[in-house]
Amino acid sequence: MGVILPNDESFAPCVRRIWPSEIEILMPSLVSALREVVNGTEPLGFMPPITAADAREYWLSLRPELYAGSRVLLAAFAERKLIGSAQLRLPTSPNGRHRAEVQKVFVGDTRRGRGVGRILMASLHDIARQHGRSLLLLNTRRGGRAEEFYKRLGYREVGVVQGYTRGPAGERYDSTSLYHQL
């Protein structure tokens, strides 16, 4: 008789830091996950549709900051599959060493609403504390699901920049700036 494994939903996601030396190894999963989200529902600052080559170039562009320690990259996995990611940019200027920027937080479409985003954000908060950061900043599209998600986590609105980004048809979207004190 074979081993019966629980269904996919019974596996809790695991979040871990991705080191620059792992980018190439994880590249197919990183590219696939980013393209799914950007070409689906959340552009994350990219202009959809994003190609595999563009997604690859983006992930490779992070390596200098990852090596320098000024950026932290996290990934969420379930059943050995990358299902989400998040980043923390750590300013190095003397007057900015108390703050960090939350960037490119995403969860694949099939895993949204299951707590993966909360786990990613809790992990980012832990890393920020480990680096002595007490103020977190982020920007997100005004009126989107992400804005409400961050507000539920205690992020407060600073303001709105009208027409901050453009979509593929030239339409303009507002951006909300948020902050959180740890």
Foldseek 3Di string as FASTA:
>chain_A
DDDDDDDQLVWDKDKDWDALVCCVVCLVLQLVQLQQPCQPPFVQPHAPNDDSVNSSVVSNVCNVCRVVVQKIKMFIDGPNHTFWIKMKGQDDDPVRRQEIEIGRTDGGPVCPPSCPSVVRVVVVVVVSVVSNHFKYKYKGWPPDPVVVVVVVVPKDWPDKDWQPDAYPVRDGTIMTMTMGGD
